[in-house]
Amino acid sequence: MNIRPLGDRVLVEPQVEEQITASGIVLPDTMDKEKKAQGKVLALGAGEKLAKLNLKVGDLVIYEKWGGEEVKVGQGEDAKEYKVLPHDKVLAVIE
Protein backbone atom coordinates (compact mmCIF):
# COMPACT_ATOMS: atom_id res chain seq x y z
CA MET A 1 0.00 0.00 0.00
CA ASN A 2 1.31 3.44 -0.93
CA ILE A 3 0.41 6.63 0.90
CA ARG A 4 0.47 9.86 -1.11
CA PRO A 5 0.13 13.03 0.95
CA LEU A 6 -1.99 15.79 -0.55
CA GLY A 7 -1.33 19.51 -0.80
CA ASP A 8 1.46 20.82 1.39
CA ARG A 9 1.82 17.70 3.53
CA VAL A 10 4.80 15.45 4.19
CA LEU A 11 4.76 11.70 4.95
CA VAL A 12 7.42 10.88 7.55
CA GLU A 13 8.57 7.58 9.06
CA PRO A 14 9.36 8.46 12.71
CA GLN A 15 12.73 7.47 14.12
CA VAL A 16 11.90 6.17 17.60
CA GLU A 17 14.45 6.97 20.27
CA GLU A 18 14.13 5.69 23.84
CA GLN A 19 15.19 7.95 26.65
CA ILE A 20 16.97 6.25 29.53
CA THR A 21 17.89 8.05 32.73
CA ALA A 22 21.31 7.68 34.37
CA SER A 23 19.78 5.15 36.78
CA GLY A 24 18.44 3.03 33.89
CA ILE A 25 14.77 4.03 33.95
CA VAL A 26 13.16 4.09 30.49
CA LEU A 27 11.05 7.21 29.99
CA PRO A 28 8.04 7.01 27.67
CA ASP A 29 7.86 9.62 24.91
CA THR A 30 4.85 11.23 26.58
CA MET A 31 7.09 12.52 29.39
CA ASP A 32 8.49 15.40 27.33
CA LYS A 33 5.76 17.17 25.38
CA GLU A 34 8.14 19.88 24.16
CA LYS A 35 10.65 17.49 22.63
CA LYS A 36 11.03 17.55 18.89
CA ALA A 37 11.04 14.35 16.88
CA GLN A 38 12.95 13.21 13.84
CA GLY A 39 12.11 10.98 10.94
CA LYS A 40 12.73 10.11 7.31
CA VAL A 41 10.71 11.76 4.52
CA LEU A 42 8.93 9.06 2.50
CA ALA A 43 6.66 11.15 0.28
CA LEU A 44 5.73 14.76 -0.44
CA GLY A 45 2.48 16.37 -1.54
CA ALA A 46 2.40 18.56 -4.64
CA GLY A 47 1.72 21.82 -2.80
CA GLU A 48 3.42 25.10 -3.70
CA LYS A 49 4.63 25.76 -0.15
CA LEU A 50 6.52 22.44 -0.08
CA ALA A 51 8.55 23.43 -3.14
CA LYS A 52 9.90 26.42 -1.20
CA LEU A 53 11.10 24.13 1.63
CA ASN A 54 13.35 22.23 -0.78
CA LEU A 55 12.59 18.88 0.90
CA LYS A 56 13.12 15.61 -0.91
CA VAL A 57 12.31 11.96 -0.30
CA GLY A 58 14.98 10.42 1.91
CA ASP A 59 15.73 13.60 3.90
CA LEU A 60 16.09 13.15 7.66
CA VAL A 61 14.04 15.91 9.28
CA ILE A 62 13.19 17.33 12.68
CA TYR A 63 9.49 18.03 13.17
CA GLU A 64 7.09 19.08 15.89
CA LYS A 65 6.35 15.90 17.82
CA TRP A 66 2.68 16.65 18.43
CA GLY A 67 1.99 18.11 14.97
CA GLY A 68 0.25 16.26 12.17
CA GLU A 69 -1.66 12.99 12.16
CA GLU A 70 -0.44 9.52 13.06
CA VAL A 71 -1.25 6.88 10.45
CA LYS A 72 -1.01 3.14 11.09
CA VAL A 73 -0.77 0.88 8.04
CA GLY A 74 -1.20 -2.88 8.30
CA GLN A 75 -2.14 -5.05 11.24
CA GLY A 76 -0.41 -6.97 13.99
CA GLU A 77 3.36 -7.26 13.91
CA ASP A 78 3.48 -6.07 10.29
CA ALA A 79 1.85 -2.73 11.14
CA LYS A 80 3.93 0.41 10.53
CA GLU A 81 3.34 3.87 11.93
CA TYR A 82 3.83 7.08 9.97
CA LYS A 83 3.17 10.78 10.44
CA VAL A 84 1.42 13.00 7.91
CA LEU A 85 2.57 16.53 8.69
CA PRO A 86 1.62 19.95 7.37
CA HIS A 87 4.65 21.64 5.78
CA ASP A 88 4.96 24.14 8.64
CA LYS A 89 5.50 21.38 11.24
CA VAL A 90 8.81 20.39 9.60
CA LEU A 91 11.46 22.43 11.41
CA ALA A 92 14.82 21.40 9.93
CA VAL A 93 16.71 18.97 7.70
CA ILE A 94 19.56 17.00 9.29
CA GLU A 95 22.55 16.97 6.96
PDB file of N, CA and C in Angstrom:
ATOM      1  N   MET A   1       0.839  -1.172   0.000  1.00  0.00           N
ATOM      2  CA  MET A   1       0.000   0.000   0.000  1.00  0.00           C
ATOM      3  C   MET A   1       0.888   1.240   0.000  1.00  0.00           C
ATOM      4  N   ASN A   2       0.582   2.179  -0.872  1.00  0.00           N
ATOM      5  CA  ASN A   2       1.305   3.441  -0.927  1.00  0.00           C
ATOM      6  C   ASN A   2       0.454   4.545  -0.337  1.00  0.00           C
ATOM      7  N   ILE A   3       1.096   5.469   0.353  1.00  0.00           N
ATOM      8  CA  ILE A   3       0.408   6.633   0.901  1.00  0.00           C
ATOM      9  C   ILE A   3       0.958   7.853   0.177  1.00  0.00           C
ATOM     10  N   ARG A   4       0.069   8.647  -0.407  1.00  0.00           N
ATOM     11  CA  ARG A   4       0.471   9.860  -1.115  1.00  0.00           C
ATOM     12  C   ARG A   4      -0.142  11.057  -0.405  1.00  0.00           C
ATOM     13  N   PRO A   5       0.677  11.861   0.266  1.00  0.00           N
ATOM     14  CA  PRO A   5       0.135  13.031   0.952  1.00  0.00           C
ATOM     15  C   PRO A   5      -0.377  14.056  -0.059  1.00  0.00           C
ATOM     16  N   LEU A   6      -1.396  14.784   0.328  1.00  0.00           N
ATOM     17  CA  LEU A   6      -1.994  15.785  -0.548  1.00  0.00           C
ATOM     18  C   LEU A   6      -1.565  17.186  -0.133  1.00  0.00           C
ATOM     19  N   GLY A   7      -1.619  18.104  -1.088  1.00  0.00           N
ATOM     20  CA  GLY A   7      -1.329  19.505  -0.795  1.00  0.00           C
ATOM     21  C   GLY A   7       0.077  19.705  -0.266  1.00  0.00           C
ATOM     22  N   ASP A   8       0.169  20.487   0.793  1.00  0.00           N
ATOM     23  CA  ASP A   8       1.460  20.824   1.394  1.00  0.00           C
ATOM     24  C   ASP A   8       1.765  19.940   2.596  1.00  0.00           C
ATOM     25  N   ARG A   9       1.573  18.640   2.437  1.00  0.00           N
ATOM     26  CA  ARG A   9       1.818  17.700   3.529  1.00  0.00           C
ATOM     27  C   ARG A   9       3.012  16.807   3.213  1.00  0.00           C
ATOM     28  N   VAL A  10       3.607  16.286   4.283  1.00  0.00           N
ATOM     29  CA  VAL A  10       4.804  15.447   4.188  1.00  0.00           C
ATOM     30  C   VAL A  10       4.527  14.139   4.918  1.00  0.00           C
ATOM     31  N   LEU A  11       4.865  13.010   4.301  1.00  0.00           N
ATOM     32  CA  LEU A  11       4.761  11.705   4.951  1.00  0.00           C
ATOM     33  C   LEU A  11       6.130  11.359   5.528  1.00  0.00           C
ATOM     34  N   VAL A  12       6.164  11.128   6.848  1.00  0.00           N
ATOM     35  CA  VAL A  12       7.425  10.878   7.553  1.00  0.00           C
ATOM     36  C   VAL A  12       7.340   9.549   8.293  1.00  0.00           C
ATOM     37  N   GLU A  13       8.437   8.783   8.244  1.00  0.00           N
ATOM     38  CA  GLU A  13       8.572   7.583   9.062  1.00  0.00           C
ATOM     39  C   GLU A  13       9.345   7.982  10.316  1.00  0.00           C
ATOM     40  N   PRO A  14       8.685   8.021  11.479  1.00  0.00           N
ATOM     41  CA  PRO A  14       9.360   8.462  12.705  1.00  0.00           C
ATOM     42  C   PRO A  14      10.534   7.562  13.072  1.00  0.00           C
ATOM     43  N   GLN A  15      11.573   8.180  13.595  1.00  0.00           N
ATOM     44  CA  GLN A  15      12.734   7.470  14.119  1.00  0.00           C
ATOM     45  C   GLN A  15      12.548   7.436  15.628  1.00  0.00           C
ATOM     46  N   VAL A  16      12.201   6.289  16.176  1.00  0.00           N
ATOM     47  CA  VAL A  16      11.902   6.169  17.600  1.00  0.00           C
ATOM     48  C   VAL A  16      13.201   6.109  18.394  1.00  0.00           C
ATOM     49  N   GLU A  17      13.261   6.918  19.431  1.00  0.00           N
ATOM     50  CA  GLU A  17      14.451   6.966  20.274  1.00  0.00           C
ATOM     51  C   GLU A  17      14.025   6.877  21.731  1.00  0.00           C
ATOM     52  N   GLU A  18      14.462   5.834  22.418  1.00  0.00           N
ATOM     53  CA  GLU A  18      14.132   5.687  23.839  1.00  0.00           C
ATOM     54  C   GLU A  18      15.013   6.603  24.669  1.00  0.00           C
ATOM     55  N   GLN A  19      14.419   7.151  25.709  1.00  0.00           N
ATOM     56  CA  GLN A  19      15.194   7.946  26.652  1.00  0.00           C
ATOM     57  C   GLN A  19      15.395   7.114  27.907  1.00  0.00           C
ATOM     58  N   ILE A  20      16.648   7.016  28.331  1.00  0.00           N
ATOM     59  CA  ILE A  20      16.974   6.248  29.530  1.00  0.00           C
ATOM     60  C   ILE A  20      17.719   7.168  30.493  1.00  0.00           C
ATOM     61  N   THR A  21      17.240   7.221  31.725  1.00  0.00           N
ATOM     62  CA  THR A  21      17.894   8.053  32.734  1.00  0.00           C
ATOM     63  C   THR A  21      19.212   7.420  33.153  1.00  0.00           C
ATOM     64  N   ALA A  22      20.018   8.180  33.896  1.00  0.00           N
ATOM     65  CA  ALA A  22      21.312   7.676  34.370  1.00  0.00           C
ATOM     66  C   ALA A  22      21.151   6.435  35.237  1.00  0.00           C
ATOM     67  N   SER A  23      20.005   6.314  35.916  1.00  0.00           N
ATOM     68  CA  SER A  23      19.780   5.146  36.775  1.00  0.00           C
ATOM     69  C   SER A  23      19.156   3.973  36.019  1.00  0.00           C
ATOM     70  N   GLY A  24      18.942   4.132  34.697  1.00  0.00           N
ATOM     71  CA  GLY A  24      18.441   3.029  33.892  1.00  0.00           C
ATOM     72  C   GLY A  24      16.938   2.975  33.708  1.00  0.00           C
ATOM     73  N   ILE A  25      16.222   4.009  34.116  1.00  0.00           N
ATOM     74  CA  ILE A  25      14.766   4.034  33.954  1.00  0.00           C
ATOM     75  C   ILE A  25      14.432   4.493  32.539  1.00  0.00           C
ATOM     76  N   VAL A  26      13.586   3.726  31.841  1.00  0.00           N
ATOM     77  CA  VAL A  26      13.163   4.086  30.491  1.00  0.00           C
ATOM     78  C   VAL A  26      11.978   5.033  30.599  1.00  0.00           C
ATOM     79  N   LEU A  27      12.120   6.214  29.967  1.00  0.00           N
ATOM     80  CA  LEU A  27      11.053   7.211  29.991  1.00  0.00           C
ATOM     81  C   LEU A  27      10.209   7.091  28.731  1.00  0.00           C
ATOM     82  N   PRO A  28       8.898   7.035  28.857  1.00  0.00           N
ATOM     83  CA  PRO A  28       8.043   7.011  27.667  1.00  0.00           C
ATOM     84  C   PRO A  28       8.088   8.360  26.969  1.00  0.00           C
ATOM     85  N   ASP A  29       7.786   8.368  25.659  1.00  0.00           N
ATOM     86  CA  ASP A  29       7.865   9.617  24.906  1.00  0.00           C
ATOM     87  C   ASP A  29       6.834  10.651  25.345  1.00  0.00           C
ATOM     88  N   THR A  30       5.847  10.271  26.114  1.00  0.00           N
ATOM     89  CA  THR A  30       4.847  11.226  26.579  1.00  0.00           C
ATOM     90  C   THR A  30       5.366  12.076  27.728  1.00  0.00           C
ATOM     91  N   MET A  31       6.539  11.765  28.259  1.00  0.00           N
ATOM     92  CA  MET A  31       7.090  12.516  29.385  1.00  0.00           C
ATOM     93  C   MET A  31       7.515  13.923  28.983  1.00  0.00           C
ATOM     94  N   ASP A  32       7.957  14.116  27.756  1.00  0.00           N
ATOM     95  CA  ASP A  32       8.491  15.405  27.328  1.00  0.00           C
ATOM     96  C   ASP A  32       7.687  15.925  26.153  1.00  0.00           C
ATOM     97  N   LYS A  33       6.655  16.696  26.429  1.00  0.00           N
ATOM     98  CA  LYS A  33       5.763  17.173  25.376  1.00  0.00           C
ATOM     99  C   LYS A  33       6.422  18.219  24.483  1.00  0.00           C
ATOM    100  N   GLU A  34       7.481  18.843  24.937  1.00  0.00           N
ATOM    101  CA  GLU A  34       8.140  19.879  24.156  1.00  0.00           C
ATOM    102  C   GLU A  34       9.215  19.319  23.227  1.00  0.00           C
ATOM    103  N   LYS A  35       9.575  18.081  23.417  1.00  0.00           N
ATOM    104  CA  LYS A  35      10.654  17.486  22.634  1.00  0.00           C
ATOM    105  C   LYS A  35      10.275  17.418  21.157  1.00  0.00           C
ATOM    106  N   LYS A  36      11.229  17.669  20.323  1.00  0.00           N
ATOM    107  CA  LYS A  36      11.030  17.555  18.886  1.00  0.00           C
ATOM    108  C   LYS A  36      11.341  16.118  18.486  1.00  0.00           C
ATOM    109  N   ALA A  37      10.833  15.718  17.356  1.00  0.00           N
ATOM    110  CA  ALA A  37      11.041  14.354  16.880  1.00  0.00           C
ATOM    111  C   ALA A  37      11.767  14.402  15.541  1.00  0.00           C
ATOM    112  N   GLN A  38      12.323  13.269  15.148  1.00  0.00           N
ATOM    113  CA  GLN A  38      12.946  13.209  13.835  1.00  0.00           C
ATOM    114  C   GLN A  38      12.466  11.984  13.086  1.00  0.00           C
ATOM    115  N   GLY A  39      12.555  12.073  11.770  1.00  0.00           N
ATOM    116  CA  GLY A  39      12.113  10.976  10.938  1.00  0.00           C
ATOM    117  C   GLY A  39      12.596  11.149   9.510  1.00  0.00           C
ATOM    118  N   LYS A  40      12.307  10.138   8.707  1.00  0.00           N
ATOM    119  CA  LYS A  40      12.731  10.111   7.308  1.00  0.00           C
ATOM    120  C   LYS A  40      11.548  10.456   6.413  1.00  0.00           C
ATOM    121  N   VAL A  41      11.756  11.370   5.468  1.00  0.00           N
ATOM    122  CA  VAL A  41      10.711  11.762   4.524  1.00  0.00           C
ATOM    123  C   VAL A  41      10.505  10.625   3.526  1.00  0.00           C
ATOM    124  N   LEU A  42       9.254  10.139   3.439  1.00  0.00           N
ATOM    125  CA  LEU A  42       8.928   9.056   2.505  1.00  0.00           C
ATOM    126  C   LEU A  42       8.202   9.546   1.265  1.00  0.00           C
ATOM    127  N   ALA A  43       7.417  10.624   1.415  1.00  0.00           N
ATOM    128  CA  ALA A  43       6.659  11.152   0.280  1.00  0.00           C
ATOM    129  C   ALA A  43       6.298  12.603   0.556  1.00  0.00           C
ATOM    130  N   LEU A  44       6.089  13.353  -0.534  1.00  0.00           N
ATOM    131  CA  LEU A  44       5.732  14.764  -0.445  1.00  0.00           C
ATOM    132  C   LEU A  44       4.478  15.031  -1.260  1.00  0.00           C
ATOM    133  N   GLY A  45       3.620  15.917  -0.761  1.00  0.00           N
ATOM    134  CA  GLY A  45       2.478  16.366  -1.539  1.00  0.00           C
ATOM    135  C   GLY A  45       2.962  17.287  -2.655  1.00  0.00           C
ATOM    136  N   ALA A  46       2.041  17.719  -3.500  1.00  0.00           N
ATOM    137  CA  ALA A  46       2.405  18.557  -4.644  1.00  0.00           C
ATOM    138  C   ALA A  46       2.157  20.037  -4.386  1.00  0.00           C
ATOM    139  N   GLY A  47       2.034  20.435  -3.141  1.00  0.00           N
ATOM    140  CA  GLY A  47       1.720  21.820  -2.804  1.00  0.00           C
ATOM    141  C   GLY A  47       2.841  22.793  -3.115  1.00  0.00           C
ATOM    142  N   GLU A  48       2.464  24.051  -3.369  1.00  0.00           N
ATOM    143  CA  GLU A  48       3.424  25.100  -3.704  1.00  0.00           C
ATOM    144  C   GLU A  48       4.339  25.439  -2.531  1.00  0.00           C
ATOM    145  N   LYS A  49       3.819  25.399  -1.321  1.00  0.00           N
ATOM    146  CA  LYS A  49       4.626  25.760  -0.150  1.00  0.00           C
ATOM    147  C   LYS A  49       5.732  24.737   0.095  1.00  0.00           C
ATOM    148  N   LEU A  50       5.490  23.480  -0.250  1.00  0.00           N
ATOM    149  CA  LEU A  50       6.517  22.445  -0.079  1.00  0.00           C
ATOM    150  C   LEU A  50       7.708  22.685  -0.990  1.00  0.00           C
ATOM    151  N   ALA A  51       7.458  23.174  -2.198  1.00  0.00           N
ATOM    152  CA  ALA A  51       8.548  23.428  -3.140  1.00  0.00           C
ATOM    153  C   ALA A  51       9.536  24.432  -2.558  1.00  0.00           C
ATOM    154  N   LYS A  52       9.038  25.400  -1.800  1.00  0.00           N
ATOM    155  CA  LYS A  52       9.901  26.417  -1.197  1.00  0.00           C
ATOM    156  C   LYS A  52      10.765  25.837  -0.077  1.00  0.00           C
ATOM    157  N   LEU A  53      10.327  24.747   0.550  1.00  0.00           N
ATOM    158  CA  LEU A  53      11.100  24.134   1.630  1.00  0.00           C
ATOM    159  C   LEU A  53      12.298  23.345   1.108  1.00  0.00           C
ATOM    160  N   ASN A  54      12.264  22.981  -0.160  1.00  0.00           N
ATOM    161  CA  ASN A  54      13.351  22.228  -0.777  1.00  0.00           C
ATOM    162  C   ASN A  54      13.578  20.879  -0.097  1.00  0.00           C
ATOM    163  N   LEU A  55      12.501  20.229   0.329  1.00  0.00           N
ATOM    164  CA  LEU A  55      12.587  18.880   0.898  1.00  0.00           C
ATOM    165  C   LEU A  55      12.599  17.861  -0.218  1.00  0.00           C
ATOM    166  N   LYS A  56      13.178  16.698   0.064  1.00  0.00           N
ATOM    167  CA  LYS A  56      13.122  15.607  -0.907  1.00  0.00           C
ATOM    168  C   LYS A  56      12.972  14.282  -0.171  1.00  0.00           C
ATOM    169  N   VAL A  57      12.467  13.297  -0.870  1.00  0.00           N
ATOM    170  CA  VAL A  57      12.306  11.963  -0.299  1.00  0.00           C
ATOM    171  C   VAL A  57      13.679  11.466   0.151  1.00  0.00           C
ATOM    172  N   GLY A  58      13.730  10.919   1.356  1.00  0.00           N
ATOM    173  CA  GLY A  58      14.980  10.422   1.913  1.00  0.00           C
ATOM    174  C   GLY A  58      15.619  11.368   2.915  1.00  0.00           C
ATOM    175  N   ASP A  59      15.187  12.643   2.934  1.00  0.00           N
ATOM    176  CA  ASP A  59      15.732  13.597   3.905  1.00  0.00           C
ATOM    177  C   ASP A  59      15.401  13.154   5.323  1.00  0.00           C
ATOM    178  N   LEU A  60      16.333  13.356   6.235  1.00  0.00           N
ATOM    179  CA  LEU A  60      16.094  13.148   7.660  1.00  0.00           C
ATOM    180  C   LEU A  60      15.734  14.513   8.232  1.00  0.00           C
ATOM    181  N   VAL A  61      14.537  14.619   8.828  1.00  0.00           N
ATOM    182  CA  VAL A  61      14.035  15.914   9.278  1.00  0.00           C
ATOM    183  C   VAL A  61      13.711  15.909  10.767  1.00  0.00           C
ATOM    184  N   ILE A  62      13.679  17.110  11.325  1.00  0.00           N
ATOM    185  CA  ILE A  62      13.193  17.333  12.681  1.00  0.00           C
ATOM    186  C   ILE A  62      11.832  17.991  12.538  1.00  0.00           C
ATOM    187  N   TYR A  63      10.840  17.481  13.270  1.00  0.00           N
ATOM    188  CA  TYR A  63       9.488  18.030  13.169  1.00  0.00           C
ATOM    189  C   TYR A  63       8.874  18.156  14.556  1.00  0.00           C
ATOM    190  N   GLU A  64       7.797  18.924  14.629  1.00  0.00           N
ATOM    191  CA  GLU A  64       7.091  19.077  15.893  1.00  0.00           C
ATOM    192  C   GLU A  64       6.441  17.753  16.251  1.00  0.00           C
ATOM    193  N   LYS A  65       6.783  17.236  17.408  1.00  0.00           N
ATOM    194  CA  LYS A  65       6.346  15.899  17.825  1.00  0.00           C
ATOM    195  C   LYS A  65       4.828  15.748  17.834  1.00  0.00           C
ATOM    196  N   TRP A  66       4.126  16.753  18.287  1.00  0.00           N
ATOM    197  CA  TRP A  66       2.676  16.650  18.434  1.00  0.00           C
ATOM    198  C   TRP A  66       1.933  17.247  17.250  1.00  0.00           C
ATOM    199  N   GLY A  67       2.640  17.577  16.168  1.00  0.00           N
ATOM    200  CA  GLY A  67       1.990  18.105  14.970  1.00  0.00           C
ATOM    201  C   GLY A  67       1.610  16.985  14.025  1.00  0.00           C
ATOM    202  N   GLY A  68       0.631  17.223  13.188  1.00  0.00           N
ATOM    203  CA  GLY A  68       0.248  16.256  12.175  1.00  0.00           C
ATOM    204  C   GLY A  68      -0.600  15.115  12.707  1.00  0.00           C
ATOM    205  N   GLU A  69      -0.811  14.142  11.844  1.00  0.00           N
ATOM    206  CA  GLU A  69      -1.659  12.990  12.159  1.00  0.00           C
ATOM    207  C   GLU A  69      -0.845  11.705  12.109  1.00  0.00           C
ATOM    208  N   GLU A  70      -1.072  10.839  13.078  1.00  0.00           N
ATOM    209  CA  GLU A  70      -0.443   9.521  13.058  1.00  0.00           C
ATOM    210  C   GLU A  70      -1.274   8.598  12.180  1.00  0.00           C
ATOM    211  N   VAL A  71      -0.592   7.818  11.352  1.00  0.00           N
ATOM    212  CA  VAL A  71      -1.253   6.881  10.448  1.00  0.00           C
ATOM    213  C   VAL A  71      -0.641   5.507  10.677  1.00  0.00           C
ATOM    214  N   LYS A  72      -1.478   4.516  10.901  1.00  0.00           N
ATOM    215  CA  LYS A  72      -1.008   3.143  11.092  1.00  0.00           C
ATOM    216  C   LYS A  72      -1.450   2.334   9.881  1.00  0.00           C
ATOM    217  N   VAL A  73      -0.487   1.673   9.231  1.00  0.00           N
ATOM    218  CA  VAL A  73      -0.767   0.885   8.035  1.00  0.00           C
ATOM    219  C   VAL A  73      -0.451  -0.571   8.338  1.00  0.00           C
ATOM    220  N   GLY A  74      -1.383  -1.460   8.045  1.00  0.00           N
ATOM    221  CA  GLY A  74      -1.197  -2.876   8.304  1.00  0.00           C
ATOM    222  C   GLY A  74      -1.754  -3.258   9.663  1.00  0.00           C
ATOM    223  N   GLN A  75      -1.612  -4.545   9.975  1.00  0.00           N
ATOM    224  CA  GLN A  75      -2.145  -5.045  11.237  1.00  0.00           C
ATOM    225  C   GLN A  75      -1.123  -5.944  11.917  1.00  0.00           C
ATOM    226  N   GLY A  76      -1.275  -6.076  13.217  1.00  0.00           N
ATOM    227  CA  GLY A  76      -0.415  -6.975  13.986  1.00  0.00           C
ATOM    228  C   GLY A  76       1.036  -6.544  13.968  1.00  0.00           C
ATOM    229  N   GLU A  77       1.925  -7.533  13.893  1.00  0.00           N
ATOM    230  CA  GLU A  77       3.361  -7.262  13.915  1.00  0.00           C
ATOM    231  C   GLU A  77       3.851  -6.575  12.648  1.00  0.00           C
ATOM    232  N   ASP A  78       3.083  -6.681  11.559  1.00  0.00           N
ATOM    233  CA  ASP A  78       3.477  -6.069  10.291  1.00  0.00           C
ATOM    234  C   ASP A  78       3.066  -4.601  10.192  1.00  0.00           C
ATOM    235  N   ALA A  79       2.338  -4.106  11.173  1.00  0.00           N
ATOM    236  CA  ALA A  79       1.852  -2.726  11.136  1.00  0.00           C
ATOM    237  C   ALA A  79       3.016  -1.743  11.242  1.00  0.00           C
ATOM    238  N   LYS A  80       2.924  -0.655  10.484  1.00  0.00           N
ATOM    239  CA  LYS A  80       3.925   0.411  10.530  1.00  0.00           C
ATOM    240  C   LYS A  80       3.216   1.718  10.838  1.00  0.00           C
ATOM    241  N   GLU A  81       3.912   2.579  11.576  1.00  0.00           N
ATOM    242  CA  GLU A  81       3.341   3.874  11.929  1.00  0.00           C
ATOM    243  C   GLU A  81       4.080   4.981  11.196  1.00  0.00           C
ATOM    244  N   TYR A  82       3.304   5.935  10.695  1.00  0.00           N
ATOM    245  CA  TYR A  82       3.832   7.076   9.972  1.00  0.00           C
ATOM    246  C   TYR A  82       3.195   8.345  10.518  1.00  0.00           C
ATOM    247  N   LYS A  83       3.760   9.484  10.119  1.00  0.00           N
ATOM    248  CA  LYS A  83       3.175  10.782  10.444  1.00  0.00           C
ATOM    249  C   LYS A  83       2.913  11.509   9.135  1.00  0.00           C
ATOM    250  N   VAL A  84       1.723  12.109   9.019  1.00  0.00           N
ATOM    251  CA  VAL A  84       1.417  13.003   7.911  1.00  0.00           C
ATOM    252  C   VAL A  84       1.397  14.403   8.511  1.00  0.00           C
ATOM    253  N   LEU A  85       2.366  15.222   8.089  1.00  0.00           N
ATOM    254  CA  LEU A  85       2.575  16.531   8.691  1.00  0.00           C
ATOM    255  C   LEU A  85       2.279  17.657   7.713  1.00  0.00           C
ATOM    256  N   PRO A  86       1.683  18.746   8.191  1.00  0.00           N
ATOM    257  CA  PRO A  86       1.623  19.951   7.366  1.00  0.00           C
ATOM    258  C   PRO A  86       3.048  20.479   7.178  1.00  0.00           C
ATOM    259  N   HIS A  87       3.292  21.161   6.083  1.00  0.00           N
ATOM    260  CA  HIS A  87       4.650  21.636   5.784  1.00  0.00           C
ATOM    261  C   HIS A  87       5.252  22.475   6.901  1.00  0.00           C
ATOM    262  N   ASP A  88       4.421  23.233   7.621  1.00  0.00           N
ATOM    263  CA  ASP A  88       4.956  24.138   8.640  1.00  0.00           C
ATOM    264  C   ASP A  88       5.324  23.438   9.947  1.00  0.00           C
ATOM    265  N   LYS A  89       5.092  22.141  10.052  1.00  0.00           N
ATOM    266  CA  LYS A  89       5.504  21.381  11.239  1.00  0.00           C
ATOM    267  C   LYS A  89       6.901  20.781  11.068  1.00  0.00           C
ATOM    268  N   VAL A  90       7.439  20.840   9.848  1.00  0.00           N
ATOM    269  CA  VAL A  90       8.812  20.392   9.600  1.00  0.00           C
ATOM    270  C   VAL A  90       9.727  21.562   9.939  1.00  0.00           C
ATOM    271  N   LEU A  91      10.644  21.345  10.881  1.00  0.00           N
ATOM    272  CA  LEU A  91      11.463  22.434  11.408  1.00  0.00           C
ATOM    273  C   LEU A  91      12.853  22.524  10.789  1.00  0.00           C
ATOM    274  N   ALA A  92      13.441  21.383  10.434  1.00  0.00           N
ATOM    275  CA  ALA A  92      14.816  21.400   9.930  1.00  0.00           C
ATOM    276  C   ALA A  92      15.134  20.096   9.215  1.00  0.00           C
ATOM    277  N   VAL A  93      16.165  20.158   8.363  1.00  0.00           N
ATOM    278  CA  VAL A  93      16.706  18.972   7.698  1.00  0.00           C
ATOM    279  C   VAL A  93      18.053  18.673   8.345  1.00  0.00           C
ATOM    280  N   ILE A  94      18.275  17.418   8.707  1.00  0.00           N
ATOM    281  CA  ILE A  94      19.556  17.001   9.289  1.00  0.00           C
ATOM    282  C   ILE A  94      20.479  16.597   8.143  1.00  0.00           C
ATOM    283  N   GLU A  95      21.609  17.262   8.055  1.00  0.00           N
ATOM    284  CA  GLU A  95      22.553  16.971   6.957  1.00  0.00           C
ATOM    285  C   GLU A  95      23.790  16.280   7.467  1.00  0.00           C
TER     286      GLU A  95
END
